[in-house]
Each structure stands twice: as C-alpha cells, then as structure tokens.
C-alpha cells in the first residue's frame, strides 16, 4: 500500500520502459510527428477539460464538507452537554400536562 499507518508513504516503483517505447536514433517521420502532436493535444485537452474541472469542482465541496462537519460536531457536542446537565434531567423528564390528562382519562375508562 502507498500509505502505511504511522509512517511515511512507501515508494512507488514503476517498471522499466519497454524497448519498443524507447526513443530511437532515427528521427520521427512526418506521420509520427503528426500523431505525436495529436496525442499531446488530446492529453492536454483531457487534462484541461476533465481533470481540471473535477479539481475545481471538488475543492469547494471538500472545504464545505469539512466546515459543515466541524460545525455540526461542535453544535452537537454543545447541545448534548447542555441537555444532559444533572439539574435539567428532572425538568426534561417531566410529563407534559396534556399527556398526563389524556393518560388519566384513559385510565378511568
């Protein structure tokens, strides 16, 4: 794996370049030069259009995700700490008057 728990990422070792992919001593033909330029253009347009757009879209979403989660956790911790104070438990557990009257009415039936 690339990330080890508690340690630096491991080194990724790529296989060596196959002999068919190595640059030869012969200059590229006109057709090869055109193909190279087309491939470069396609790769550049892909990264410009797709990859860059994805990053531009993901950055604000990621920031908002962390901000919202942090705010949610802080608010939840504050609410829970306020809710479970010892002095408040009897008040919170007290039965509402309308519920008590309905319970008494049902019990009398």
N, C-alpha and C. Protein backbone atom coordinates (compact mmCIF):
# COMPACT_ATOMS: atom_id res chain seq x y z
N UNK A 1 0.82 -1.20 0.00
CA UNK A 1 0.00 0.00 0.00
C UNK A 1 0.86 1.25 0.00
N UNK A 2 0.29 2.33 -0.50
CA UNK A 2 1.03 3.59 -0.55
C UNK A 2 1.16 4.23 0.82
N UNK A 3 0.14 4.12 1.65
CA UNK A 3 0.19 4.73 2.97
C UNK A 3 0.29 3.65 4.03
N UNK A 4 1.31 3.77 4.84
CA UNK A 4 1.46 2.84 5.95
C UNK A 4 1.02 3.55 7.22
N UNK A 5 0.31 2.87 8.11
CA UNK A 5 -0.11 3.52 9.35
C UNK A 5 1.08 3.98 10.17
N UNK A 6 1.08 5.25 10.50
CA UNK A 6 2.13 5.78 11.35
C UNK A 6 3.47 5.99 10.68
N UNK A 7 3.54 5.86 9.37
CA UNK A 7 4.82 6.03 8.70
C UNK A 7 4.68 6.78 7.40
N UNK A 8 5.81 7.07 6.78
CA UNK A 8 5.76 7.79 5.51
C UNK A 8 5.23 6.88 4.40
N UNK A 9 4.72 7.47 3.33
CA UNK A 9 4.24 6.64 2.22
C UNK A 9 5.38 5.84 1.61
N UNK A 10 5.05 4.66 1.14
CA UNK A 10 6.08 3.83 0.52
C UNK A 10 6.37 4.36 -0.89
N UNK A 11 7.51 4.00 -1.42
CA UNK A 11 7.94 4.46 -2.73
C UNK A 11 7.29 3.59 -3.80
N UNK A 12 6.75 4.25 -4.82
CA UNK A 12 6.14 3.52 -5.93
C UNK A 12 7.22 3.30 -6.97
N UNK A 13 7.43 2.07 -7.34
CA UNK A 13 8.44 1.74 -8.35
C UNK A 13 7.73 1.35 -9.63
N UNK A 14 8.01 2.09 -10.68
CA UNK A 14 7.43 1.80 -11.98
C UNK A 14 8.31 0.82 -12.74
N UNK A 15 7.69 0.00 -13.57
CA UNK A 15 8.51 -0.92 -14.37
C UNK A 15 9.36 -0.13 -15.36
N UNK A 16 10.44 -0.74 -15.80
CA UNK A 16 11.30 -0.05 -16.76
C UNK A 16 10.57 0.10 -18.09
N UNK A 17 10.99 1.07 -18.86
CA UNK A 17 10.36 1.35 -20.15
C UNK A 17 10.68 0.23 -21.13
N UNK A 18 9.65 -0.33 -21.78
CA UNK A 18 9.92 -1.40 -22.75
C UNK A 18 10.75 -0.88 -23.91
N UNK A 19 11.54 -1.74 -24.54
CA UNK A 19 12.40 -1.30 -25.65
C UNK A 19 11.60 -0.68 -26.80
N UNK A 20 10.37 -1.11 -27.00
CA UNK A 20 9.58 -0.55 -28.11
C UNK A 20 9.17 0.88 -27.83
N UNK A 21 9.23 1.31 -26.57
CA UNK A 21 8.83 2.67 -26.23
C UNK A 21 10.01 3.62 -26.13
N UNK A 22 11.20 3.09 -26.16
CA UNK A 22 12.38 3.95 -26.04
C UNK A 22 12.60 4.73 -27.32
N UNK A 23 13.17 5.90 -27.17
CA UNK A 23 13.43 6.75 -28.32
C UNK A 23 14.55 6.15 -29.16
N UNK A 24 14.30 6.10 -30.44
CA UNK A 24 15.33 5.53 -31.32
C UNK A 24 16.25 6.63 -31.82
N UNK A 25 17.32 6.21 -32.49
CA UNK A 25 18.26 7.18 -33.05
C UNK A 25 17.72 7.82 -34.31
N UNK A 26 16.73 7.18 -34.94
CA UNK A 26 16.14 7.73 -36.16
C UNK A 26 15.14 8.83 -35.81
N UNK A 27 15.18 9.92 -36.54
CA UNK A 27 14.19 10.98 -36.28
C UNK A 27 12.79 10.49 -36.67
N UNK A 28 11.75 11.00 -35.98
CA UNK A 28 10.39 10.55 -36.32
C UNK A 28 9.99 11.00 -37.73
N UNK A 29 9.20 10.20 -38.35
CA UNK A 29 8.70 10.55 -39.69
C UNK A 29 7.64 11.64 -39.53
N UNK A 30 7.24 12.20 -40.66
CA UNK A 30 6.20 13.24 -40.62
C UNK A 30 4.91 12.69 -40.02
N UNK A 31 4.55 11.49 -40.40
CA UNK A 31 3.33 10.88 -39.87
C UNK A 31 3.44 10.70 -38.35
N UNK A 32 4.59 10.22 -37.87
CA UNK A 32 4.78 10.03 -36.44
C UNK A 32 4.73 11.36 -35.70
N UNK A 33 5.32 12.39 -36.31
CA UNK A 33 5.29 13.72 -35.70
C UNK A 33 3.85 14.22 -35.57
N UNK A 34 3.05 14.02 -36.61
CA UNK A 34 1.64 14.44 -36.57
C UNK A 34 0.90 13.66 -35.50
N UNK A 35 1.14 12.35 -35.43
CA UNK A 35 0.48 11.52 -34.43
C UNK A 35 0.88 11.94 -33.02
N UNK A 36 2.14 12.26 -32.83
CA UNK A 36 2.62 12.72 -31.52
C UNK A 36 1.91 14.02 -31.13
N UNK A 37 1.81 14.94 -32.06
CA UNK A 37 1.14 16.22 -31.79
C UNK A 37 -0.34 16.01 -31.48
N UNK A 38 -0.98 15.09 -32.20
CA UNK A 38 -2.40 14.80 -31.94
C UNK A 38 -2.56 14.22 -30.54
N UNK A 39 -1.71 13.28 -30.18
CA UNK A 39 -1.78 12.66 -28.85
C UNK A 39 -1.53 13.70 -27.76
N UNK A 40 -0.53 14.56 -27.96
CA UNK A 40 -0.25 15.62 -26.99
C UNK A 40 -1.46 16.53 -26.84
N UNK A 41 -2.07 16.89 -27.96
CA UNK A 41 -3.24 17.76 -27.93
C UNK A 41 -4.41 17.11 -27.20
N UNK A 42 -4.63 15.83 -27.48
CA UNK A 42 -5.73 15.11 -26.81
C UNK A 42 -5.50 15.00 -25.30
N UNK A 43 -4.27 14.69 -24.91
CA UNK A 43 -3.96 14.59 -23.48
C UNK A 43 -4.13 15.95 -22.81
N UNK A 44 -3.61 16.98 -23.44
CA UNK A 44 -3.72 18.33 -22.87
C UNK A 44 -5.17 18.76 -22.75
N UNK A 45 -5.98 18.51 -23.78
CA UNK A 45 -7.39 18.90 -23.71
C UNK A 45 -8.13 18.07 -22.66
N UNK A 46 -7.77 16.80 -22.51
CA UNK A 46 -8.39 15.97 -21.49
C UNK A 46 -8.10 16.54 -20.10
N UNK A 47 -6.83 16.84 -19.83
CA UNK A 47 -6.49 17.36 -18.52
C UNK A 47 -7.09 18.74 -18.29
N UNK A 48 -7.13 19.55 -19.34
CA UNK A 48 -7.70 20.88 -19.19
C UNK A 48 -9.20 20.79 -18.95
N UNK A 49 -9.88 19.97 -19.71
CA UNK A 49 -11.33 19.92 -19.63
C UNK A 49 -11.83 19.07 -18.47
N UNK A 50 -11.34 17.87 -18.35
CA UNK A 50 -11.92 16.92 -17.40
C UNK A 50 -11.25 17.01 -16.03
N UNK A 51 -9.96 16.80 -15.98
CA UNK A 51 -9.27 16.72 -14.70
C UNK A 51 -9.31 18.06 -13.98
N UNK A 52 -9.02 19.13 -14.68
CA UNK A 52 -9.03 20.45 -14.05
C UNK A 52 -10.42 20.80 -13.55
N UNK A 53 -11.44 20.51 -14.35
CA UNK A 53 -12.82 20.79 -13.95
C UNK A 53 -13.19 20.00 -12.71
N UNK A 54 -12.77 18.73 -12.65
CA UNK A 54 -13.05 17.93 -11.47
C UNK A 54 -12.41 18.53 -10.22
N UNK A 55 -11.16 18.97 -10.34
CA UNK A 55 -10.50 19.57 -9.18
C UNK A 55 -11.16 20.88 -8.80
N UNK A 56 -11.50 21.69 -9.79
CA UNK A 56 -12.16 22.96 -9.50
C UNK A 56 -13.50 22.72 -8.80
N UNK A 57 -14.21 21.66 -9.18
CA UNK A 57 -15.47 21.33 -8.54
C UNK A 57 -15.28 20.74 -7.15
N UNK A 58 -14.22 19.94 -6.99
CA UNK A 58 -14.03 19.22 -5.72
C UNK A 58 -13.51 20.10 -4.60
N UNK A 59 -12.72 21.10 -4.89
CA UNK A 59 -12.10 21.90 -3.83
C UNK A 59 -13.15 22.60 -2.97
N UNK A 60 -14.10 23.35 -3.54
CA UNK A 60 -15.10 23.98 -2.67
C UNK A 60 -15.97 22.95 -1.93
N UNK A 61 -16.29 21.85 -2.60
CA UNK A 61 -17.09 20.81 -1.95
C UNK A 61 -16.35 20.22 -0.76
N UNK A 62 -15.06 20.00 -0.92
CA UNK A 62 -14.27 19.43 0.17
C UNK A 62 -14.17 20.41 1.33
N UNK A 63 -13.94 21.67 1.03
CA UNK A 63 -13.86 22.68 2.08
C UNK A 63 -15.18 22.76 2.83
N UNK A 64 -16.29 22.81 2.11
CA UNK A 64 -17.60 22.87 2.75
C UNK A 64 -17.86 21.62 3.56
N UNK A 65 -17.45 20.47 3.06
CA UNK A 65 -17.64 19.22 3.79
C UNK A 65 -16.98 19.30 5.16
N UNK A 66 -15.73 19.74 5.19
CA UNK A 66 -15.02 19.80 6.46
C UNK A 66 -15.58 20.90 7.36
N UNK A 67 -15.95 22.06 6.78
CA UNK A 67 -16.53 23.12 7.59
C UNK A 67 -17.86 22.70 8.19
N UNK A 68 -18.72 22.10 7.37
CA UNK A 68 -20.05 21.70 7.85
C UNK A 68 -19.91 20.60 8.90
N UNK A 69 -19.06 19.62 8.65
CA UNK A 69 -18.89 18.55 9.63
C UNK A 69 -18.34 19.08 10.95
N UNK A 70 -17.38 19.99 10.87
CA UNK A 70 -16.83 20.57 12.09
C UNK A 70 -17.91 21.35 12.85
N UNK A 71 -18.66 22.16 12.14
CA UNK A 71 -19.73 22.94 12.79
C UNK A 71 -20.79 22.00 13.37
N UNK A 72 -21.16 20.97 12.63
CA UNK A 72 -22.16 20.01 13.11
C UNK A 72 -21.69 19.33 14.39
N UNK A 73 -20.44 18.89 14.40
CA UNK A 73 -19.91 18.21 15.59
C UNK A 73 -19.86 19.16 16.79
N UNK A 74 -19.44 20.39 16.55
CA UNK A 74 -19.35 21.37 17.65
C UNK A 74 -20.74 21.67 18.21
N UNK A 75 -21.72 21.87 17.34
CA UNK A 75 -23.08 22.16 17.80
C UNK A 75 -23.65 20.95 18.54
N UNK A 76 -23.44 19.75 18.01
CA UNK A 76 -23.95 18.55 18.66
C UNK A 76 -23.33 18.37 20.05
N UNK A 77 -22.03 18.57 20.16
CA UNK A 77 -21.38 18.45 21.47
C UNK A 77 -21.93 19.46 22.46
N UNK A 78 -22.15 20.68 21.99
CA UNK A 78 -22.70 21.72 22.87
C UNK A 78 -24.12 21.38 23.29
N UNK A 79 -24.94 20.93 22.36
CA UNK A 79 -26.33 20.58 22.69
C UNK A 79 -26.39 19.40 23.66
N UNK A 80 -25.60 18.38 23.42
CA UNK A 80 -25.61 17.20 24.30
C UNK A 80 -25.13 17.58 25.69
N UNK A 81 -24.10 18.39 25.78
CA UNK A 81 -23.60 18.79 27.10
C UNK A 81 -24.64 19.63 27.84
N UNK A 82 -25.38 20.47 27.14
CA UNK A 82 -26.44 21.25 27.77
C UNK A 82 -27.63 20.37 28.15
N UNK A 83 -27.94 19.42 27.31
CA UNK A 83 -29.12 18.57 27.52
C UNK A 83 -28.94 17.65 28.71
N UNK A 84 -27.74 17.13 28.92
CA UNK A 84 -27.52 16.14 29.96
C UNK A 84 -26.96 16.71 31.25
N UNK A 85 -27.14 17.98 31.48
CA UNK A 85 -26.74 18.53 32.78
C UNK A 85 -27.65 17.93 33.84
N UNK A 86 -27.09 17.62 35.01
CA UNK A 86 -27.85 16.95 36.07
C UNK A 86 -29.06 17.76 36.52
N UNK A 87 -28.95 19.07 36.55
CA UNK A 87 -30.05 19.90 37.03
C UNK A 87 -31.23 19.90 36.05
N UNK A 88 -30.97 19.65 34.78
CA UNK A 88 -32.02 19.73 33.76
C UNK A 88 -32.78 18.43 33.57
N UNK A 89 -32.25 17.30 34.01
CA UNK A 89 -32.86 16.00 33.72
C UNK A 89 -34.28 15.91 34.28
N UNK A 90 -34.54 16.27 35.54
CA UNK A 90 -35.93 16.17 36.03
C UNK A 90 -36.91 17.04 35.25
N UNK A 91 -36.48 18.22 34.87
CA UNK A 91 -37.35 19.12 34.11
C UNK A 91 -37.65 18.52 32.74
N UNK A 92 -36.64 17.96 32.09
CA UNK A 92 -36.82 17.38 30.77
C UNK A 92 -37.65 16.10 30.81
N UNK A 93 -37.57 15.35 31.90
CA UNK A 93 -38.28 14.08 32.00
C UNK A 93 -39.71 14.25 32.52
N UNK A 94 -40.09 15.44 32.92
CA UNK A 94 -41.43 15.69 33.45
C UNK A 94 -42.47 15.49 32.35
N UNK A 95 -43.57 14.87 32.72
CA UNK A 95 -44.64 14.59 31.76
C UNK A 95 -45.41 15.87 31.48
N UNK A 96 -45.73 16.09 30.21
CA UNK A 96 -46.49 17.28 29.81
C UNK A 96 -47.91 17.17 30.37
N UNK A 97 -48.52 18.31 30.67
CA UNK A 97 -49.86 18.33 31.27
C UNK A 97 -50.90 17.67 30.40
N UNK A 98 -50.90 17.95 29.10
CA UNK A 98 -51.91 17.36 28.22
C UNK A 98 -51.74 15.85 28.12
N UNK A 99 -50.52 15.36 28.15
CA UNK A 99 -50.28 13.91 28.11
C UNK A 99 -50.75 13.28 29.41
N UNK A 100 -50.49 13.95 30.53
CA UNK A 100 -50.92 13.43 31.83
C UNK A 100 -52.45 13.36 31.90
N UNK A 101 -53.13 14.40 31.41
CA UNK A 101 -54.60 14.38 31.46
C UNK A 101 -55.17 13.30 30.54
N UNK A 102 -54.59 13.09 29.38
CA UNK A 102 -55.07 12.01 28.49
C UNK A 102 -54.81 10.64 29.13
N UNK A 103 -53.69 10.49 29.80
CA UNK A 103 -53.38 9.23 30.47
C UNK A 103 -54.39 8.96 31.58
N UNK A 104 -54.71 10.00 32.37
CA UNK A 104 -55.71 9.83 33.45
C UNK A 104 -57.07 9.49 32.86
N UNK A 105 -57.44 10.12 31.75
CA UNK A 105 -58.74 9.86 31.11
C UNK A 105 -58.79 8.42 30.61
N UNK A 106 -57.72 7.95 30.00
CA UNK A 106 -57.67 6.57 29.51
C UNK A 106 -57.70 5.59 30.67
N UNK A 107 -57.07 5.93 31.77
CA UNK A 107 -57.05 5.05 32.94
C UNK A 107 -58.41 4.94 33.60
N UNK A 108 -59.22 5.98 33.52
CA UNK A 108 -60.55 5.96 34.10
C UNK A 108 -61.55 5.16 33.28
N UNK A 109 -61.28 4.90 32.05
CA UNK A 109 -62.20 4.16 31.18
C UNK A 109 -62.31 2.75 31.54
